[in-house]
Amino acid sequence: MDEVFKALADESRRALLDRLHARNGQTLGELCDGLDMTRQAVTKHLGILEAAKLVATVRRGREKLHYLNPVPIHEIGVRWIGKFEVQRLDTLAELKRNLEQNHQP
């Protein structure tokens, strides 16, 4: 999970993930279009995303297509965000019950 957090920490890598979310299965050239990064920088960022298993690649002839893999992000949600959300929702529900009991005629 550390690799995923490190990969997501960089704004440029998050931008690449956003581009893949908008249109999955892009080549390196397509991902570079419109970015203020060199092809070499994009390649380096994609390598980090691949190592974190956030991007999967498939060869199609001479092309290498890049696909978003949402599983590691989901695992973060389950492991880190979900457990905190449950506590917050329980606290809000208790607060609501207390307020409703205190305002009964």
PDB file of N, CA and C in Angstrom:
ATOM      1  N   MET A   1       0.817  -1.195   0.000  1.00  0.00           N
ATOM      2  CA  MET A   1       0.000   0.000   0.000  1.00  0.00           C
ATOM      3  C   MET A   1       0.863   1.262   0.000  1.00  0.00           C
ATOM      4  N   ASP A   2       2.082   1.174   0.520  1.00  0.00           N
ATOM      5  CA  ASP A   2       2.962   2.335   0.527  1.00  0.00           C
ATOM      6  C   ASP A   2       3.241   2.844  -0.879  1.00  0.00           C
ATOM      7  N   GLU A   3       3.437   1.908  -1.824  1.00  0.00           N
ATOM      8  CA  GLU A   3       3.683   2.317  -3.208  1.00  0.00           C
ATOM      9  C   GLU A   3       2.495   3.081  -3.779  1.00  0.00           C
ATOM     10  N   VAL A   4       1.300   2.677  -3.412  1.00  0.00           N
ATOM     11  CA  VAL A   4       0.100   3.352  -3.909  1.00  0.00           C
ATOM     12  C   VAL A   4       0.040   4.775  -3.362  1.00  0.00           C
ATOM     13  N   PHE A   5       0.272   4.933  -2.063  1.00  0.00           N
ATOM     14  CA  PHE A   5       0.256   6.274  -1.471  1.00  0.00           C
ATOM     15  C   PHE A   5       1.331   7.158  -2.098  1.00  0.00           C
ATOM     16  N   LYS A   6       2.518   6.621  -2.296  1.00  0.00           N
ATOM     17  CA  LYS A   6       3.600   7.390  -2.920  1.00  0.00           C
ATOM     18  C   LYS A   6       3.226   7.789  -4.339  1.00  0.00           C
ATOM     19  N   ALA A   7       2.629   6.870  -5.077  1.00  0.00           N
ATOM     20  CA  ALA A   7       2.233   7.172  -6.454  1.00  0.00           C
ATOM     21  C   ALA A   7       1.154   8.246  -6.495  1.00  0.00           C
ATOM     22  N   LEU A   8       0.201   8.176  -5.591  1.00  0.00           N
ATOM     23  CA  LEU A   8      -0.898   9.142  -5.565  1.00  0.00           C
ATOM     24  C   LEU A   8      -0.474  10.496  -5.013  1.00  0.00           C
ATOM     25  N   ALA A   9       0.668  10.564  -4.362  1.00  0.00           N
ATOM     26  CA  ALA A   9       1.120  11.817  -3.750  1.00  0.00           C
ATOM     27  C   ALA A   9       1.513  12.864  -4.788  1.00  0.00           C
ATOM     28  N   ASP A  10       1.806  12.440  -6.003  1.00  0.00           N
ATOM     29  CA  ASP A  10       2.266  13.364  -7.032  1.00  0.00           C
ATOM     30  C   ASP A  10       1.110  13.840  -7.915  1.00  0.00           C
ATOM     31  N   GLU A  11       1.013  15.148  -8.073  1.00  0.00           N
ATOM     32  CA  GLU A  11      -0.073  15.756  -8.855  1.00  0.00           C
ATOM     33  C   GLU A  11      -0.055  15.308 -10.319  1.00  0.00           C
ATOM     34  N   SER A  12       1.122  15.165 -10.893  1.00  0.00           N
ATOM     35  CA  SER A  12       1.230  14.745 -12.296  1.00  0.00           C
ATOM     36  C   SER A  12       0.709  13.329 -12.489  1.00  0.00           C
ATOM     37  N   ARG A  13       1.012  12.455 -11.542  1.00  0.00           N
ATOM     38  CA  ARG A  13       0.515  11.077 -11.644  1.00  0.00           C
ATOM     39  C   ARG A  13      -0.995  11.020 -11.458  1.00  0.00           C
ATOM     40  N   ARG A  14      -1.518  11.852 -10.555  1.00  0.00           N
ATOM     41  CA  ARG A  14      -2.975  11.901 -10.393  1.00  0.00           C
ATOM     42  C   ARG A  14      -3.633  12.404 -11.679  1.00  0.00           C
ATOM     43  N   ALA A  15      -2.989  13.344 -12.355  1.00  0.00           N
ATOM     44  CA  ALA A  15      -3.518  13.852 -13.629  1.00  0.00           C
ATOM     45  C   ALA A  15      -3.551  12.740 -14.678  1.00  0.00           C
ATOM     46  N   LEU A  16      -2.507  11.916 -14.712  1.00  0.00           N
ATOM     47  CA  LEU A  16      -2.506  10.791 -15.654  1.00  0.00           C
ATOM     48  C   LEU A  16      -3.626   9.805 -15.325  1.00  0.00           C
ATOM     49  N   LEU A  17      -3.836   9.536 -14.049  1.00  0.00           N
ATOM     50  CA  LEU A  17      -4.936   8.644 -13.658  1.00  0.00           C
ATOM     51  C   LEU A  17      -6.284   9.244 -14.046  1.00  0.00           C
ATOM     52  N   ASP A  18      -6.429  10.552 -13.883  1.00  0.00           N
ATOM     53  CA  ASP A  18      -7.672  11.218 -14.290  1.00  0.00           C
ATOM     54  C   ASP A  18      -7.898  11.078 -15.786  1.00  0.00           C
ATOM     55  N   ARG A  19      -6.835  11.203 -16.554  1.00  0.00           N
ATOM     56  CA  ARG A  19      -6.954  11.055 -18.016  1.00  0.00           C
ATOM     57  C   ARG A  19      -7.363   9.636 -18.395  1.00  0.00           C
ATOM     58  N   LEU A  20      -6.806   8.654 -17.682  1.00  0.00           N
ATOM     59  CA  LEU A  20      -7.189   7.266 -17.954  1.00  0.00           C
ATOM     60  C   LEU A  20      -8.606   6.984 -17.482  1.00  0.00           C
ATOM     61  N   HIS A  21      -9.011   7.631 -16.411  1.00  0.00           N
ATOM     62  CA  HIS A  21     -10.394   7.466 -15.953  1.00  0.00           C
ATOM     63  C   HIS A  21     -11.362   8.022 -16.994  1.00  0.00           C
ATOM     64  N   ALA A  22     -11.000   9.139 -17.607  1.00  0.00           N
ATOM     65  CA  ALA A  22     -11.860   9.756 -18.629  1.00  0.00           C
ATOM     66  C   ALA A  22     -11.905   8.911 -19.901  1.00  0.00           C
ATOM     67  N   ARG A  23     -10.769   8.321 -20.258  1.00  0.00           N
ATOM     68  CA  ARG A  23     -10.711   7.468 -21.459  1.00  0.00           C
ATOM     69  C   ARG A  23      -9.631   6.433 -21.256  1.00  0.00           C
ATOM     70  N   ASN A  24     -10.037   5.234 -20.938  1.00  0.00           N
ATOM     71  CA  ASN A  24      -9.125   4.139 -20.660  1.00  0.00           C
ATOM     72  C   ASN A  24      -8.511   3.600 -21.944  1.00  0.00           C
ATOM     73  N   GLY A  25      -7.350   2.987 -21.841  1.00  0.00           N
ATOM     74  CA  GLY A  25      -6.726   2.330 -22.982  1.00  0.00           C
ATOM     75  C   GLY A  25      -5.981   3.273 -23.902  1.00  0.00           C
ATOM     76  N   GLN A  26      -5.247   4.230 -23.337  1.00  0.00           N
ATOM     77  CA  GLN A  26      -4.517   5.196 -24.153  1.00  0.00           C
ATOM     78  C   GLN A  26      -3.056   4.785 -24.332  1.00  0.00           C
ATOM     79  N   THR A  27      -2.496   5.204 -25.457  1.00  0.00           N
ATOM     80  CA  THR A  27      -1.077   4.999 -25.710  1.00  0.00           C
ATOM     81  C   THR A  27      -0.293   6.102 -25.005  1.00  0.00           C
ATOM     82  N   LEU A  28       1.015   5.943 -24.960  1.00  0.00           N
ATOM     83  CA  LEU A  28       1.874   6.954 -24.367  1.00  0.00           C
ATOM     84  C   LEU A  28       1.710   8.285 -25.103  1.00  0.00           C
ATOM     85  N   GLY A  29       1.670   8.240 -26.414  1.00  0.00           N
ATOM     86  CA  GLY A  29       1.497   9.458 -27.203  1.00  0.00           C
ATOM     87  C   GLY A  29       0.198  10.170 -26.884  1.00  0.00           C
ATOM     88  N   GLU A  30      -0.879   9.416 -26.737  1.00  0.00           N
ATOM     89  CA  GLU A  30      -2.173  10.013 -26.396  1.00  0.00           C
ATOM     90  C   GLU A  30      -2.142  10.632 -25.000  1.00  0.00           C
ATOM     91  N   LEU A  31      -1.487   9.950 -24.072  1.00  0.00           N
ATOM     92  CA  LEU A  31      -1.398  10.487 -22.712  1.00  0.00           C
ATOM     93  C   LEU A  31      -0.548  11.750 -22.660  1.00  0.00           C
ATOM     94  N   CYS A  32       0.440  11.848 -23.535  1.00  0.00           N
ATOM     95  CA  CYS A  32       1.315  13.031 -23.568  1.00  0.00           C
ATOM     96  C   CYS A  32       0.631  14.245 -24.174  1.00  0.00           C
ATOM     97  N   ASP A  33      -0.344  14.025 -25.063  1.00  0.00           N
ATOM     98  CA  ASP A  33      -1.020  15.136 -25.754  1.00  0.00           C
ATOM     99  C   ASP A  33      -1.622  16.110 -24.753  1.00  0.00           C
ATOM    100  N   GLY A  34      -1.254  17.380 -24.891  1.00  0.00           N
ATOM    101  CA  GLY A  34      -1.835  18.426 -24.073  1.00  0.00           C
ATOM    102  C   GLY A  34      -1.245  18.554 -22.675  1.00  0.00           C
ATOM    103  N   LEU A  35      -0.268  17.722 -22.348  1.00  0.00           N
ATOM    104  CA  LEU A  35       0.363  17.823 -21.029  1.00  0.00           C
ATOM    105  C   LEU A  35       1.617  18.685 -21.122  1.00  0.00           C
ATOM    106  N   ASP A  36       1.894  19.381 -20.053  1.00  0.00           N
ATOM    107  CA  ASP A  36       3.101  20.198 -19.979  1.00  0.00           C
ATOM    108  C   ASP A  36       4.231  19.372 -19.361  1.00  0.00           C
ATOM    109  N   MET A  37       4.474  18.198 -19.967  1.00  0.00           N
ATOM    110  CA  MET A  37       5.520  17.286 -19.512  1.00  0.00           C
ATOM    111  C   MET A  37       6.178  16.676 -20.735  1.00  0.00           C
ATOM    112  N   THR A  38       7.436  16.331 -20.592  1.00  0.00           N
ATOM    113  CA  THR A  38       8.109  15.636 -21.679  1.00  0.00           C
ATOM    114  C   THR A  38       7.617  14.195 -21.742  1.00  0.00           C
ATOM    115  N   ARG A  39       7.830  13.586 -22.884  1.00  0.00           N
ATOM    116  CA  ARG A  39       7.467  12.179 -23.054  1.00  0.00           C
ATOM    117  C   ARG A  39       8.218  11.321 -22.034  1.00  0.00           C
ATOM    118  N   GLN A  40       9.470  11.669 -21.788  1.00  0.00           N
ATOM    119  CA  GLN A  40      10.291  10.931 -20.829  1.00  0.00           C
ATOM    120  C   GLN A  40       9.712  11.046 -19.413  1.00  0.00           C
ATOM    121  N   ALA A  41       9.229  12.235 -19.037  1.00  0.00           N
ATOM    122  CA  ALA A  41       8.634  12.422 -17.704  1.00  0.00           C
ATOM    123  C   ALA A  41       7.353  11.604 -17.580  1.00  0.00           C
ATOM    124  N   VAL A  42       6.534  11.611 -18.618  1.00  0.00           N
ATOM    125  CA  VAL A  42       5.292  10.823 -18.594  1.00  0.00           C
ATOM    126  C   VAL A  42       5.624   9.344 -18.462  1.00  0.00           C
ATOM    127  N   THR A  43       6.635   8.882 -19.191  1.00  0.00           N
ATOM    128  CA  THR A  43       7.052   7.479 -19.108  1.00  0.00           C
ATOM    129  C   THR A  43       7.490   7.127 -17.687  1.00  0.00           C
ATOM    130  N   LYS A  44       8.245   8.012 -17.069  1.00  0.00           N
ATOM    131  CA  LYS A  44       8.694   7.771 -15.694  1.00  0.00           C
ATOM    132  C   LYS A  44       7.505   7.693 -14.741  1.00  0.00           C
ATOM    133  N   HIS A  45       6.560   8.626 -14.865  1.00  0.00           N
ATOM    134  CA  HIS A  45       5.376   8.613 -14.003  1.00  0.00           C
ATOM    135  C   HIS A  45       4.538   7.355 -14.232  1.00  0.00           C
ATOM    136  N   LEU A  46       4.397   6.950 -15.482  1.00  0.00           N
ATOM    137  CA  LEU A  46       3.644   5.722 -15.771  1.00  0.00           C
ATOM    138  C   LEU A  46       4.326   4.502 -15.161  1.00  0.00           C
ATOM    139  N   GLY A  47       5.644   4.478 -15.153  1.00  0.00           N
ATOM    140  CA  GLY A  47       6.380   3.376 -14.530  1.00  0.00           C
ATOM    141  C   GLY A  47       6.091   3.279 -13.043  1.00  0.00           C
ATOM    142  N   ILE A  48       6.013   4.420 -12.382  1.00  0.00           N
ATOM    143  CA  ILE A  48       5.694   4.440 -10.947  1.00  0.00           C
ATOM    144  C   ILE A  48       4.263   3.975 -10.716  1.00  0.00           C
ATOM    145  N   LEU A  49       3.349   4.411 -11.585  1.00  0.00           N
ATOM    146  CA  LEU A  49       1.939   3.988 -11.476  1.00  0.00           C
ATOM    147  C   LEU A  49       1.791   2.494 -11.740  1.00  0.00           C
ATOM    148  N   GLU A  50       2.566   1.974 -12.688  1.00  0.00           N
ATOM    149  CA  GLU A  50       2.538   0.538 -12.965  1.00  0.00           C
ATOM    150  C   GLU A  50       3.094  -0.256 -11.782  1.00  0.00           C
ATOM    151  N   ALA A  51       4.183   0.229 -11.189  1.00  0.00           N
ATOM    152  CA  ALA A  51       4.781  -0.463 -10.037  1.00  0.00           C
ATOM    153  C   ALA A  51       3.808  -0.511  -8.866  1.00  0.00           C
ATOM    154  N   ALA A  52       2.976   0.520  -8.743  1.00  0.00           N
ATOM    155  CA  ALA A  52       1.968   0.564  -7.677  1.00  0.00           C
ATOM    156  C   ALA A  52       0.692  -0.180  -8.082  1.00  0.00           C
ATOM    157  N   LYS A  53       0.690  -0.756  -9.268  1.00  0.00           N
ATOM    158  CA  LYS A  53      -0.454  -1.508  -9.816  1.00  0.00           C
ATOM    159  C   LYS A  53      -1.697  -0.633 -10.025  1.00  0.00           C
ATOM    160  N   LEU A  54      -1.479   0.675 -10.186  1.00  0.00           N
ATOM    161  CA  LEU A  54      -2.585   1.586 -10.481  1.00  0.00           C
ATOM    162  C   LEU A  54      -2.848   1.662 -11.974  1.00  0.00           C
ATOM    163  N   VAL A  55      -1.871   1.251 -12.761  1.00  0.00           N
ATOM    164  CA  VAL A  55      -2.005   1.228 -14.218  1.00  0.00           C
ATOM    165  C   VAL A  55      -1.557  -0.142 -14.697  1.00  0.00           C
ATOM    166  N   ALA A  56      -2.351  -0.713 -15.584  1.00  0.00           N
ATOM    167  CA  ALA A  56      -2.009  -1.974 -16.235  1.00  0.00           C
ATOM    168  C   ALA A  56      -1.801  -1.691 -17.716  1.00  0.00           C
ATOM    169  N   THR A  57      -0.930  -2.445 -18.340  1.00  0.00           N
ATOM    170  CA  THR A  57      -0.669  -2.233 -19.760  1.00  0.00           C
ATOM    171  C   THR A  57      -0.956  -3.496 -20.549  1.00  0.00           C
ATOM    172  N   VAL A  58      -1.328  -3.271 -21.800  1.00  0.00           N
ATOM    173  CA  VAL A  58      -1.592  -4.368 -22.731  1.00  0.00           C
ATOM    174  C   VAL A  58      -0.942  -3.994 -24.058  1.00  0.00           C
ATOM    175  N   ARG A  59      -0.213  -4.915 -24.622  1.00  0.00           N
ATOM    176  CA  ARG A  59       0.396  -4.688 -25.935  1.00  0.00           C
ATOM    177  C   ARG A  59      -0.621  -5.036 -27.015  1.00  0.00           C
ATOM    178  N   ARG A  60      -0.727  -4.128 -27.977  1.00  0.00           N
ATOM    179  CA  ARG A  60      -1.583  -4.360 -29.154  1.00  0.00           C
ATOM    180  C   ARG A  60      -0.729  -4.039 -30.366  1.00  0.00           C
ATOM    181  N   GLY A  61      -0.120  -5.063 -30.915  1.00  0.00           N
ATOM    182  CA  GLY A  61       0.829  -4.851 -32.000  1.00  0.00           C
ATOM    183  C   GLY A  61       2.030  -4.087 -31.473  1.00  0.00           C
ATOM    184  N   ARG A  62       2.296  -2.943 -32.087  1.00  0.00           N
ATOM    185  CA  ARG A  62       3.432  -2.113 -31.665  1.00  0.00           C
ATOM    186  C   ARG A  62       3.043  -1.125 -30.574  1.00  0.00           C
ATOM    187  N   GLU A  63       1.761  -1.038 -30.285  1.00  0.00           N
ATOM    188  CA  GLU A  63       1.277  -0.083 -29.293  1.00  0.00           C
ATOM    189  C   GLU A  63       1.220  -0.717 -27.901  1.00  0.00           C
ATOM    190  N   LYS A  64       1.428   0.115 -26.920  1.00  0.00           N
ATOM    191  CA  LYS A  64       1.270  -0.289 -25.525  1.00  0.00           C
ATOM    192  C   LYS A  64       0.139   0.564 -24.961  1.00  0.00           C
ATOM    193  N   LEU A  65      -0.974  -0.076 -24.623  1.00  0.00           N
ATOM    194  CA  LEU A  65      -2.138   0.635 -24.111  1.00  0.00           C
ATOM    195  C   LEU A  65      -2.118   0.626 -22.589  1.00  0.00           C
ATOM    196  N   HIS A  66      -2.482   1.759 -22.010  1.00  0.00           N
ATOM    197  CA  HIS A  66      -2.473   1.935 -20.554  1.00  0.00           C
ATOM    198  C   HIS A  66      -3.906   1.982 -20.040  1.00  0.00           C
ATOM    199  N   TYR A  67      -4.159   1.218 -18.997  1.00  0.00           N
ATOM    200  CA  TYR A  67      -5.492   1.133 -18.410  1.00  0.00           C
ATOM    201  C   TYR A  67      -5.431   1.422 -16.916  1.00  0.00           C
ATOM    202  N   LEU A  68      -6.417   2.126 -16.440  1.00  0.00           N
ATOM    203  CA  LEU A  68      -6.550   2.404 -15.014  1.00  0.00           C
ATOM    204  C   LEU A  68      -6.964   1.126 -14.295  1.00  0.00           C
ATOM    205  N   ASN A  69      -6.294   0.829 -13.187  1.00  0.00           N
ATOM    206  CA  ASN A  69      -6.671  -0.293 -12.327  1.00  0.00           C
ATOM    207  C   ASN A  69      -7.172   0.310 -11.008  1.00  0.00           C
ATOM    208  N   PRO A  70      -8.476   0.350 -10.778  1.00  0.00           N
ATOM    209  CA  PRO A  70      -9.012   0.997  -9.578  1.00  0.00           C
ATOM    210  C   PRO A  70      -8.911   0.158  -8.303  1.00  0.00           C
ATOM    211  N   VAL A  71      -8.476  -1.078  -8.394  1.00  0.00           N
ATOM    212  CA  VAL A  71      -8.463  -1.970  -7.227  1.00  0.00           C
ATOM    213  C   VAL A  71      -7.614  -1.421  -6.079  1.00  0.00           C
ATOM    214  N   PRO A  72      -6.372  -0.967  -6.311  1.00  0.00           N
ATOM    215  CA  PRO A  72      -5.596  -0.448  -5.177  1.00  0.00           C
ATOM    216  C   PRO A  72      -6.242   0.766  -4.503  1.00  0.00           C
ATOM    217  N   ILE A  73      -6.906   1.608  -5.273  1.00  0.00           N
ATOM    218  CA  ILE A  73      -7.592   2.766  -4.688  1.00  0.00           C
ATOM    219  C   ILE A  73      -8.775   2.296  -3.850  1.00  0.00           C
ATOM    220  N   HIS A  74      -9.482   1.296  -4.335  1.00  0.00           N
ATOM    221  CA  HIS A  74     -10.599   0.734  -3.575  1.00  0.00           C
ATOM    222  C   HIS A  74     -10.102   0.134  -2.256  1.00  0.00           C
ATOM    223  N   GLU A  75      -8.964  -0.548  -2.325  1.00  0.00           N
ATOM    224  CA  GLU A  75      -8.403  -1.146  -1.112  1.00  0.00           C
ATOM    225  C   GLU A  75      -8.055  -0.075  -0.085  1.00  0.00           C
ATOM    226  N   ILE A  76      -7.562   1.069  -0.549  1.00  0.00           N
ATOM    227  CA  ILE A  76      -7.294   2.186   0.364  1.00  0.00           C
ATOM    228  C   ILE A  76      -8.597   2.648   1.004  1.00  0.00           C
ATOM    229  N   GLY A  77      -9.630   2.747   0.188  1.00  0.00           N
ATOM    230  CA  GLY A  77     -10.931   3.152   0.712  1.00  0.00           C
ATOM    231  C   GLY A  77     -11.433   2.217   1.791  1.00  0.00           C
ATOM    232  N   VAL A  78     -11.313   0.944   1.546  1.00  0.00           N
ATOM    233  CA  VAL A  78     -11.773  -0.045   2.514  1.00  0.00           C
ATOM    234  C   VAL A  78     -10.914  -0.013   3.777  1.00  0.00           C
ATOM    235  N   ARG A  79      -9.607   0.019   3.585  1.00  0.00           N
ATOM    236  CA  ARG A  79      -8.682  -0.081   4.719  1.00  0.00           C
ATOM    237  C   ARG A  79      -8.587   1.204   5.544  1.00  0.00           C
ATOM    238  N   TRP A  80      -8.541   2.352   4.893  1.00  0.00           N
ATOM    239  CA  TRP A  80      -8.254   3.586   5.600  1.00  0.00           C
ATOM    240  C   TRP A  80      -9.440   4.521   5.723  1.00  0.00           C
ATOM    241  N   ILE A  81     -10.181   4.709   4.660  1.00  0.00           N
ATOM    242  CA  ILE A  81     -11.265   5.686   4.694  1.00  0.00           C
ATOM    243  C   ILE A  81     -12.511   5.094   5.333  1.00  0.00           C
ATOM    244  N   GLY A  82     -12.847   3.872   4.964  1.00  0.00           N
ATOM    245  CA  GLY A  82     -14.059   3.236   5.463  1.00  0.00           C
ATOM    246  C   GLY A  82     -14.139   3.153   6.972  1.00  0.00           C
ATOM    247  N   LYS A  83     -13.045   2.789   7.603  1.00  0.00           N
ATOM    248  CA  LYS A  83     -13.096   2.634   9.057  1.00  0.00           C
ATOM    249  C   LYS A  83     -13.296   3.969   9.763  1.00  0.00           C
ATOM    250  N   PHE A  84     -12.790   5.047   9.218  1.00  0.00           N
ATOM    251  CA  PHE A  84     -12.985   6.358   9.822  1.00  0.00           C
ATOM    252  C   PHE A  84     -14.383   6.890   9.546  1.00  0.00           C
ATOM    253  N   GLU A  85     -14.907   6.565   8.398  1.00  0.00           N
ATOM    254  CA  GLU A  85     -16.246   7.018   8.028  1.00  0.00           C
ATOM    255  C   GLU A  85     -17.301   6.389   8.929  1.00  0.00           C
ATOM    256  N   VAL A  86     -17.154   5.125   9.269  1.00  0.00           N
ATOM    257  CA  VAL A  86     -18.118   4.442  10.135  1.00  0.00           C
ATOM    258  C   VAL A  86     -18.195   5.147  11.490  1.00  0.00           C
ATOM    259  N   GLN A  87     -17.059   5.465  12.042  1.00  0.00           N
ATOM    260  CA  GLN A  87     -17.038   6.135  13.344  1.00  0.00           C
ATOM    261  C   GLN A  87     -17.713   7.509  13.257  1.00  0.00           C
ATOM    262  N   ARG A  88     -17.431   8.237  12.210  1.00  0.00           N
ATOM    263  CA  ARG A  88     -18.032   9.562  12.044  1.00  0.00           C
ATOM    264  C   ARG A  88     -19.550   9.463  11.894  1.00  0.00           C
ATOM    265  N   LEU A  89     -20.010   8.506  11.127  1.00  0.00           N
ATOM    266  CA  LEU A  89     -21.448   8.333  10.941  1.00  0.00           C
ATOM    267  C   LEU A  89     -22.124   7.895  12.233  1.00  0.00           C
ATOM    268  N   ASP A  90     -21.473   7.024  12.989  1.00  0.00           N
ATOM    269  CA  ASP A  90     -22.024   6.620  14.283  1.00  0.00           C
ATOM    270  C   ASP A  90     -22.132   7.821  15.223  1.00  0.00           C
ATOM    271  N   THR A  91     -21.130   8.678  15.225  1.00  0.00           N
ATOM    272  CA  THR A  91     -21.130   9.870  16.072  1.00  0.00           C
ATOM    273  C   THR A  91     -22.252  10.824  15.660  1.00  0.00           C
ATOM    274  N   LEU A  92     -22.421  11.013  14.365  1.00  0.00           N
ATOM    275  CA  LEU A  92     -23.505  11.882  13.882  1.00  0.00           C
ATOM    276  C   LEU A  92     -24.879  11.317  14.233  1.00  0.00           C
ATOM    277  N   ALA A  93     -25.042  10.012  14.121  1.00  0.00           N
ATOM    278  CA  ALA A  93     -26.323   9.381  14.466  1.00  0.00           C
ATOM    279  C   ALA A  93     -26.619   9.550  15.957  1.00  0.00           C
ATOM    280  N   GLU A  94     -25.599   9.402  16.795  1.00  0.00           N
ATOM    281  CA  GLU A  94     -25.781   9.585  18.230  1.00  0.00           C
ATOM    282  C   GLU A  94     -26.135  11.036  18.552  1.00  0.00           C
ATOM    283  N   LEU A  95     -25.480  11.967  17.913  1.00  0.00           N
ATOM    284  CA  LEU A  95     -25.784  13.379  18.098  1.00  0.00           C
ATOM    285  C   LEU A  95     -27.230  13.682  17.709  1.00  0.00           C
ATOM    286  N   LYS A  96     -27.676  13.132  16.614  1.00  0.00           N
ATOM    287  CA  LYS A  96     -29.053  13.324  16.154  1.00  0.00           C
ATOM    288  C   LYS A  96     -30.045  12.777  17.182  1.00  0.00           C
ATOM    289  N   ARG A  97     -29.782  11.561  17.680  1.00  0.00           N
ATOM    290  CA  ARG A  97     -30.663  10.966  18.692  1.00  0.00           C
ATOM    291  C   ARG A  97     -30.720  11.843  19.933  1.00  0.00           C
ATOM    292  N   ASN A  98     -29.587  12.337  20.390  1.00  0.00           N
ATOM    293  CA  ASN A  98     -29.541  13.186  21.590  1.00  0.00           C
ATOM    294  C   ASN A  98     -30.310  14.487  21.380  1.00  0.00           C
ATOM    295  N   LEU A  99     -30.140  15.084  20.217  1.00  0.00           N
ATOM    296  CA  LEU A  99     -30.850  16.334  19.945  1.00  0.00           C
ATOM    297  C   LEU A  99     -32.354  16.114  19.872  1.00  0.00           C
ATOM    298  N   GLU A 100     -32.748  15.031  19.257  1.00  0.00           N
ATOM    299  CA  GLU A 100     -34.194  14.745  19.156  1.00  0.00           C
ATOM    300  C   GLU A 100     -34.779  14.442  20.527  1.00  0.00           C
ATOM    301  N   GLN A 101     -34.064  13.739  21.385  1.00  0.00           N
ATOM    302  CA  GLN A 101     -34.572  13.440  22.733  1.00  0.00           C
ATOM    303  C   GLN A 101     -34.655  14.687  23.581  1.00  0.00           C
ATOM    304  N   ASN A 102     -33.747  15.611  23.456  1.00  0.00           N
ATOM    305  CA  ASN A 102     -33.740  16.833  24.255  1.00  0.00           C
ATOM    306  C   ASN A 102     -34.789  17.842  23.799  1.00  0.00           C
ATOM    307  N   HIS A 103     -35.327  17.692  22.601  1.00  0.00           N
ATOM    308  CA  HIS A 103     -36.294  18.650  22.089  1.00  0.00           C
ATOM    309  C   HIS A 103     -37.719  18.093  22.056  1.00  0.00           C
ATOM    310  N   GLN A 104     -37.971  16.984  22.732  1.00  0.00           N
ATOM    311  CA  GLN A 104     -39.325  16.428  22.772  1.00  0.00           C
ATOM    312  C   GLN A 104     -40.135  17.184  23.808  1.00  0.00           C
ATOM    313  N   PRO A 105     -41.426  17.474  23.491  1.00  0.00           N
ATOM    314  CA  PRO A 105     -42.278  18.200  24.452  1.00  0.00           C
ATOM    315  C   PRO A 105     -42.640  17.394  25.671  1.00  0.00           C
TER     316      PRO A 105
END
